[in-house]
Amino acid sequence: MIAALVIGLPLGLLLRTFSAAPLPAPPPTTEPLPQAKPPPGMAIYALPTGVAHRSAAFAYRGGSFFERQDAAITAVLIEHPRGDLLIDAGFGRHIDQQFELLPRALRMITTYERFTPAADQLEAAGRPRESLRAILMTHGHWDHASGVTDFPETPVWVTADERRYIADDAYGMEIAHAATGARWEVYGFDDKPYFGFPRSRDVYGDGAIVVVPAPGHTPGSVIIFVTLPTGKRYAFVGDLVWQLEGITEREERPWLMRRFVDVDQERLRRSLLSMIAIHERYPEIAIVPAHDRRAYADIPRLLPEPAEQPR
């Protein structure tokens, strides 16, 4: 591995950092299931915008180098009577040009395929982009923020910490930083605990969409809890983990990946253990890591199939 030479580690030692090493089981949570009154007609839809090619070994410790586990690049539409939201923006119309803004080392190890951008999927379904209340970002990394530029009139909601991180043009934030026309809007949290997280923001005051801070991957990363009128609950965890095994097997990203993409590994681990405890107490809550294609299997598509385009 070239990376072993770059960071000065012997190859054998580096390979050991990819082996399984489950985190200790967190204390069981005693938190009750939060109350929610989602309005009739509320729904969610997945908008796949592309994939990034990856093997399981780079997604979680214990994954195989020989198992292809492409990373989903997917936006999620939340229909709500008080205003529709888009969770993340996925790959946008200009991803090929935007990709050139990324650090050369990242471009060298990244290949991707693009599908129909979220803005075009919305328009094809008869939903004007202007009808969105906002784009609610889990965080600002390039593969979540590319499509932001396709929505020049739509507010893009981020935390204050994330907005500063974007403004600093930090690693992975190059595309968000360059989106000068984006309508960034900063929001805060109430001192109201939610599911063990000390602060939260109930977007519409009905418990249907609740955001909690989960810093570590980036300074302003969040988890978005969504409850539907059917009673089905989801936790959109962004890049807290890249694949479900991070939750179900308590496996972090390999050390090499954490070193380059996570800004505060200790805070990330605390957020991860909190989410693991919730999952073990309430397995009926669907955990949706942003990049796990399997996690979107039971979420309806806005369009029947994403229209894949050659690079």
Protein backbone atom coordinates (compact mmCIF):
# COMPACT_ATOMS: atom_id res chain seq x y z
CA MET A 1 0.00 0.00 0.00
CA ILE A 2 1.30 3.42 -0.95
CA ALA A 3 -0.43 4.82 2.13
CA ALA A 4 1.82 2.74 4.38
CA LEU A 5 4.87 4.45 2.94
CA VAL A 6 3.26 7.88 3.10
CA ILE A 7 2.42 7.67 6.80
CA GLY A 8 5.57 5.77 7.70
CA LEU A 9 3.93 2.62 9.06
CA PRO A 10 5.11 -0.90 8.19
CA LEU A 11 2.63 -2.58 5.87
CA GLY A 12 1.90 -5.37 8.33
CA LEU A 13 1.08 -2.96 11.12
CA LEU A 14 -1.15 -0.91 8.83
CA LEU A 15 -3.07 -4.01 7.74
CA ARG A 16 -3.75 -4.87 11.39
CA THR A 17 -5.63 -1.59 11.74
CA PHE A 18 -8.18 -2.92 9.24
CA SER A 19 -8.96 -6.03 11.30
CA ALA A 20 -12.12 -6.33 13.38
CA ALA A 21 -12.00 -4.56 16.74
CA PRO A 22 -15.52 -4.02 18.12
CA LEU A 23 -16.03 -1.17 20.53
CA PRO A 24 -17.11 -2.15 24.06
CA ALA A 25 -20.86 -2.43 24.39
CA PRO A 26 -22.32 0.85 25.70
CA PRO A 27 -24.46 0.91 28.84
CA PRO A 28 -28.09 0.12 27.97
CA THR A 29 -30.16 3.22 27.38
CA THR A 30 -33.14 3.86 29.62
CA GLU A 31 -34.52 6.59 27.37
CA PRO A 32 -38.20 6.18 26.50
CA LEU A 33 -39.27 6.29 22.86
CA PRO A 34 -39.76 10.02 22.15
CA GLN A 35 -43.28 11.21 21.51
CA ALA A 36 -44.13 12.32 17.99
CA LYS A 37 -47.26 13.47 16.20
CA PRO A 38 -46.37 13.36 12.50
CA PRO A 39 -49.08 14.94 10.35
CA PRO A 40 -51.12 12.93 7.84
CA GLY A 41 -49.56 12.96 4.41
CA MET A 42 -46.00 13.13 5.67
CA ALA A 43 -43.71 10.81 3.67
CA ILE A 44 -40.09 10.25 2.69
CA TYR A 45 -38.45 9.34 -0.62
CA ALA A 46 -34.90 8.38 -1.58
CA LEU A 47 -33.23 10.21 -4.45
CA PRO A 48 -30.11 8.24 -5.46
CA THR A 49 -27.69 10.60 -7.20
CA GLY A 50 -24.71 8.28 -7.66
CA VAL A 51 -22.24 5.93 -6.01
CA ALA A 52 -18.58 6.07 -5.04
CA HIS A 53 -16.63 2.85 -5.52
CA ARG A 54 -15.27 1.32 -2.32
CA SER A 55 -14.48 -2.04 -0.76
CA ALA A 56 -15.90 -3.06 2.60
CA ALA A 57 -12.43 -2.98 4.17
CA PHE A 58 -12.32 0.80 3.87
CA ALA A 59 -15.84 1.26 5.25
CA TYR A 60 -15.51 -0.47 8.63
CA ARG A 61 -12.97 -2.49 10.58
CA GLY A 62 -13.29 -6.17 9.76
CA GLY A 63 -14.63 -5.58 6.25
CA SER A 64 -13.15 -7.54 3.37
CA PHE A 65 -10.81 -6.00 0.82
CA PHE A 66 -12.46 -8.29 -1.73
CA GLU A 67 -16.08 -7.31 -1.03
CA ARG A 68 -17.26 -4.41 -3.13
CA GLN A 69 -19.53 -2.18 -1.10
CA ASP A 70 -20.15 0.93 -3.18
CA ALA A 71 -21.04 4.01 -1.19
CA ALA A 72 -24.49 5.44 -1.83
CA ILE A 73 -24.65 9.15 -2.65
CA THR A 74 -28.33 9.74 -1.93
CA ALA A 75 -30.54 12.66 -0.98
CA VAL A 76 -33.77 12.07 0.94
CA LEU A 77 -36.94 14.08 0.43
CA ILE A 78 -39.16 14.60 3.49
CA GLU A 79 -42.67 15.70 2.60
CA HIS A 80 -44.25 17.66 5.43
CA PRO A 81 -47.34 19.90 5.27
CA ARG A 82 -45.37 22.80 6.77
CA GLY A 83 -42.57 22.53 4.22
CA ASP A 84 -40.66 19.84 2.38
CA LEU A 85 -37.02 19.23 3.30
CA LEU A 86 -34.14 17.55 1.52
CA ILE A 87 -31.64 15.69 3.68
CA ASP A 88 -28.30 16.37 1.97
CA ALA A 89 -28.00 17.18 -1.72
CA GLY A 90 -25.92 14.31 -3.15
CA PHE A 91 -24.12 14.65 -6.47
CA GLY A 92 -25.28 17.67 -8.41
CA ARG A 93 -25.31 18.66 -12.04
CA HIS A 94 -21.69 19.87 -11.93
CA ILE A 95 -20.04 17.08 -9.95
CA ASP A 96 -17.46 16.36 -12.68
CA GLN A 97 -16.19 19.95 -12.59
CA GLN A 98 -16.51 20.18 -8.81
CA PHE A 99 -14.51 16.99 -8.36
CA GLU A 100 -11.44 18.82 -9.67
CA LEU A 101 -11.58 21.10 -6.61
CA LEU A 102 -10.77 18.20 -4.27
CA PRO A 103 -7.23 17.49 -3.05
CA ARG A 104 -5.21 15.48 -5.55
CA ALA A 105 -4.67 12.62 -3.08
CA LEU A 106 -8.43 12.25 -2.57
CA ARG A 107 -9.08 12.30 -6.31
CA MET A 108 -6.46 9.62 -6.87
CA ILE A 109 -8.25 7.11 -4.63
CA THR A 110 -11.83 8.04 -5.53
CA THR A 111 -13.91 6.89 -8.48
CA TYR A 112 -17.62 7.44 -8.80
CA GLU A 113 -20.68 7.13 -11.03
CA ARG A 114 -23.30 9.83 -11.24
CA PHE A 115 -27.01 9.30 -11.66
CA THR A 116 -29.76 11.89 -12.11
CA PRO A 117 -29.18 14.85 -9.74
CA ALA A 118 -31.75 15.47 -7.02
CA ALA A 119 -32.91 18.73 -8.63
CA ASP A 120 -33.69 16.93 -11.89
CA GLN A 121 -35.45 14.09 -10.08
CA LEU A 122 -37.68 16.59 -8.31
CA GLU A 123 -38.53 18.36 -11.55
CA ALA A 124 -39.22 15.07 -13.34
CA ALA A 125 -41.67 14.21 -10.56
CA GLY A 126 -43.45 17.55 -10.98
CA ARG A 127 -41.99 19.12 -7.86
CA PRO A 128 -40.35 22.50 -8.52
CA ARG A 129 -37.06 22.98 -6.72
CA GLU A 130 -38.45 26.21 -5.31
CA SER A 131 -41.07 24.23 -3.40
CA LEU A 132 -38.47 23.00 -0.91
CA ARG A 133 -38.44 24.68 2.48
CA ALA A 134 -34.74 23.90 2.93
CA ILE A 135 -31.88 21.47 2.45
CA LEU A 136 -30.99 20.03 5.85
CA MET A 137 -27.35 18.94 5.79
CA THR A 138 -26.02 16.09 7.92
CA HIS A 139 -22.62 17.74 7.26
CA GLY A 140 -20.84 19.62 4.50
CA HIS A 141 -18.47 17.12 2.88
CA TRP A 142 -18.18 17.13 -0.90
CA ASP A 143 -20.31 14.06 -1.57
CA HIS A 144 -23.19 15.55 0.44
CA ALA A 145 -22.92 19.14 -0.78
CA SER A 146 -22.31 18.89 -4.54
CA GLY A 147 -25.99 19.34 -5.39
CA VAL A 148 -26.39 22.46 -3.23
CA THR A 149 -25.52 24.65 -6.23
CA ASP A 150 -28.54 23.27 -8.11
CA PHE A 151 -30.83 24.96 -5.55
CA PRO A 152 -29.79 28.65 -5.59
CA GLU A 153 -33.09 29.83 -4.08
CA THR A 154 -33.30 27.20 -1.34
CA PRO A 155 -31.96 27.79 2.19
CA VAL A 156 -29.26 25.31 3.20
CA TRP A 157 -29.44 24.59 6.93
CA VAL A 158 -26.19 23.90 8.80
CA THR A 159 -25.00 24.33 12.37
CA ALA A 160 -22.75 27.24 13.29
CA ASP A 161 -19.78 24.89 13.77
CA GLU A 162 -20.30 23.39 10.34
CA ARG A 163 -20.67 26.78 8.69
CA ARG A 164 -17.32 27.86 10.15
CA TYR A 165 -15.71 24.62 8.99
CA ILE A 166 -17.01 25.21 5.45
CA ALA A 167 -15.80 28.82 5.52
CA ASP A 168 -12.34 27.61 6.55
CA ASP A 169 -12.18 25.47 3.37
CA ALA A 170 -11.30 22.44 5.47
CA TYR A 171 -10.42 19.03 4.02
CA GLY A 172 -13.39 17.63 2.11
CA MET A 173 -15.25 20.96 2.28
CA GLU A 174 -13.85 22.37 -0.97
CA ILE A 175 -17.09 22.01 -2.93
CA ALA A 176 -19.25 23.51 -0.17
CA HIS A 177 -16.72 26.33 0.26
CA ALA A 178 -16.86 27.12 -3.45
CA ALA A 179 -20.69 27.22 -3.49
CA THR A 180 -20.67 31.00 -3.15
CA GLY A 181 -24.27 31.36 -4.31
CA ALA A 182 -25.66 28.95 -1.73
CA ARG A 183 -28.13 30.37 0.80
CA TRP A 184 -26.44 29.07 3.94
CA GLU A 185 -28.61 29.47 7.04
CA VAL A 186 -27.30 28.65 10.50
CA TYR A 187 -29.60 27.09 13.08
CA GLY A 188 -29.13 26.27 16.75
CA PHE A 189 -30.40 23.75 19.28
CA ASP A 190 -32.64 23.93 22.29
CA ASP A 191 -31.45 22.70 25.69
CA LYS A 192 -33.95 19.88 25.43
CA PRO A 193 -32.58 16.34 25.65
CA TYR A 194 -33.65 13.87 23.01
CA PHE A 195 -32.93 10.15 23.20
CA GLY A 196 -29.95 10.78 25.46
CA PHE A 197 -28.49 13.56 23.35
CA PRO A 198 -28.32 16.71 25.53
CA ARG A 199 -29.65 19.16 22.93
CA SER A 200 -32.06 18.95 20.02
CA ARG A 201 -34.06 20.90 17.48
CA ASP A 202 -37.64 19.88 16.75
CA VAL A 203 -37.98 21.34 13.25
CA TYR A 204 -41.77 21.74 13.17
CA GLY A 205 -42.61 21.23 16.85
CA ASP A 206 -44.47 17.96 16.27
CA GLY A 207 -41.67 15.49 16.96
CA ALA A 208 -41.70 14.31 13.36
CA ILE A 209 -38.27 15.71 12.41
CA VAL A 210 -35.79 16.15 15.24
CA VAL A 211 -32.13 17.06 14.77
CA VAL A 212 -29.42 16.38 17.37
CA PRO A 213 -25.75 17.38 17.31
CA ALA A 214 -23.36 14.46 16.74
CA PRO A 215 -19.94 16.07 16.24
CA GLY A 216 -16.76 14.19 15.51
CA HIS A 217 -16.74 13.36 11.82
CA THR A 218 -16.99 17.09 11.25
CA PRO A 219 -17.46 19.78 13.93
CA GLY A 220 -21.13 20.30 13.06
CA SER A 221 -22.32 16.83 12.05
CA VAL A 222 -25.88 15.96 13.05
CA ILE A 223 -28.28 13.03 13.26
CA ILE A 224 -31.80 13.53 11.93
CA PHE A 225 -34.61 11.47 13.51
CA VAL A 226 -37.75 11.14 11.39
CA THR A 227 -41.09 9.63 12.45
CA LEU A 228 -43.81 8.89 9.87
CA PRO A 229 -47.59 8.75 10.42
CA THR A 230 -47.38 4.94 10.19
CA GLY A 231 -45.20 4.95 13.30
CA LYS A 232 -42.10 3.97 11.32
CA ARG A 233 -39.00 5.72 12.62
CA TYR A 234 -35.68 6.47 10.95
CA ALA A 235 -32.35 7.82 12.15
CA PHE A 236 -30.38 9.46 9.33
CA VAL A 237 -26.91 9.35 10.88
CA GLY A 238 -24.89 10.93 8.06
CA ASP A 239 -21.27 9.75 8.23
CA LEU A 240 -21.37 8.72 11.87
CA VAL A 241 -20.64 5.35 10.25
CA TRP A 242 -20.31 4.55 6.58
CA GLN A 243 -22.02 1.15 6.70
CA LEU A 244 -24.54 -0.51 9.00
CA GLU A 245 -21.84 -2.74 10.47
CA GLY A 246 -20.58 0.31 12.28
CA ILE A 247 -23.76 0.10 14.37
CA THR A 248 -24.64 -3.60 14.34
CA GLU A 249 -21.06 -4.83 14.91
CA ARG A 250 -19.83 -1.75 16.80
CA GLU A 251 -17.02 -1.29 14.29
CA GLU A 252 -15.40 2.06 13.63
CA ARG A 253 -13.83 3.10 10.38
CA PRO A 254 -10.28 1.76 9.92
CA TRP A 255 -7.65 3.91 11.59
CA LEU A 256 -6.30 5.19 8.28
CA MET A 257 -9.73 6.46 7.22
CA ARG A 258 -10.44 8.01 10.62
CA ARG A 259 -7.10 9.78 10.49
CA PHE A 260 -8.01 11.57 7.28
CA VAL A 261 -11.76 12.16 7.51
CA ASP A 262 -12.70 12.48 11.21
CA VAL A 263 -11.81 15.72 13.01
CA ASP A 264 -12.39 14.47 16.57
CA GLN A 265 -12.32 10.73 17.04
CA GLU A 266 -13.24 10.79 20.73
CA ARG A 267 -16.36 12.90 20.22
CA LEU A 268 -17.30 10.74 17.25
CA ARG A 269 -16.96 7.61 19.37
CA ARG A 270 -19.26 9.07 22.04
CA SER A 271 -21.88 9.89 19.42
CA LEU A 272 -21.51 6.43 17.91
CA LEU A 273 -21.91 4.65 21.24
CA SER A 274 -25.05 6.67 21.97
CA MET A 275 -26.53 5.59 18.65
CA ILE A 276 -25.52 1.96 19.23
CA ALA A 277 -27.30 2.02 22.60
CA ILE A 278 -30.46 3.36 20.96
CA HIS A 279 -30.30 0.68 18.27
CA GLU A 280 -29.90 -2.12 20.80
CA ARG A 281 -32.89 -0.89 22.83
CA TYR A 282 -35.07 0.00 19.83
CA PRO A 283 -34.04 -2.19 16.86
CA GLU A 284 -37.24 -1.19 15.05
CA ILE A 285 -35.73 2.25 14.34
CA ALA A 286 -34.20 2.07 10.87
CA ILE A 287 -30.62 3.35 10.96
CA VAL A 288 -29.62 5.04 7.70
CA PRO A 289 -25.90 5.70 7.28
CA ALA A 290 -25.65 8.12 4.39
CA HIS A 291 -23.47 5.80 2.30
CA ASP A 292 -25.03 2.36 2.92
CA ARG A 293 -27.13 1.39 -0.11
CA ARG A 294 -28.85 -1.36 1.90
CA ALA A 295 -30.23 1.18 4.37
CA TYR A 296 -32.40 2.76 1.65
CA ALA A 297 -33.98 -0.55 0.57
CA ASP A 298 -37.37 0.09 2.19
CA ILE A 299 -37.51 3.82 1.42
CA PRO A 300 -39.58 4.49 -1.72
CA ARG A 301 -37.86 6.15 -4.68
CA LEU A 302 -39.19 9.41 -5.99
CA LEU A 303 -38.57 8.07 -9.50
CA PRO A 304 -38.81 4.38 -10.46
CA GLU A 305 -35.09 4.06 -11.22
CA PRO A 306 -32.19 6.53 -11.18
CA ALA A 307 -31.06 7.35 -14.70
CA GLU A 308 -27.38 6.49 -14.71
CA GLN A 309 -25.14 8.58 -16.90
CA PRO A 310 -21.64 7.72 -18.10
CA ARG A 311 -18.79 9.82 -16.81
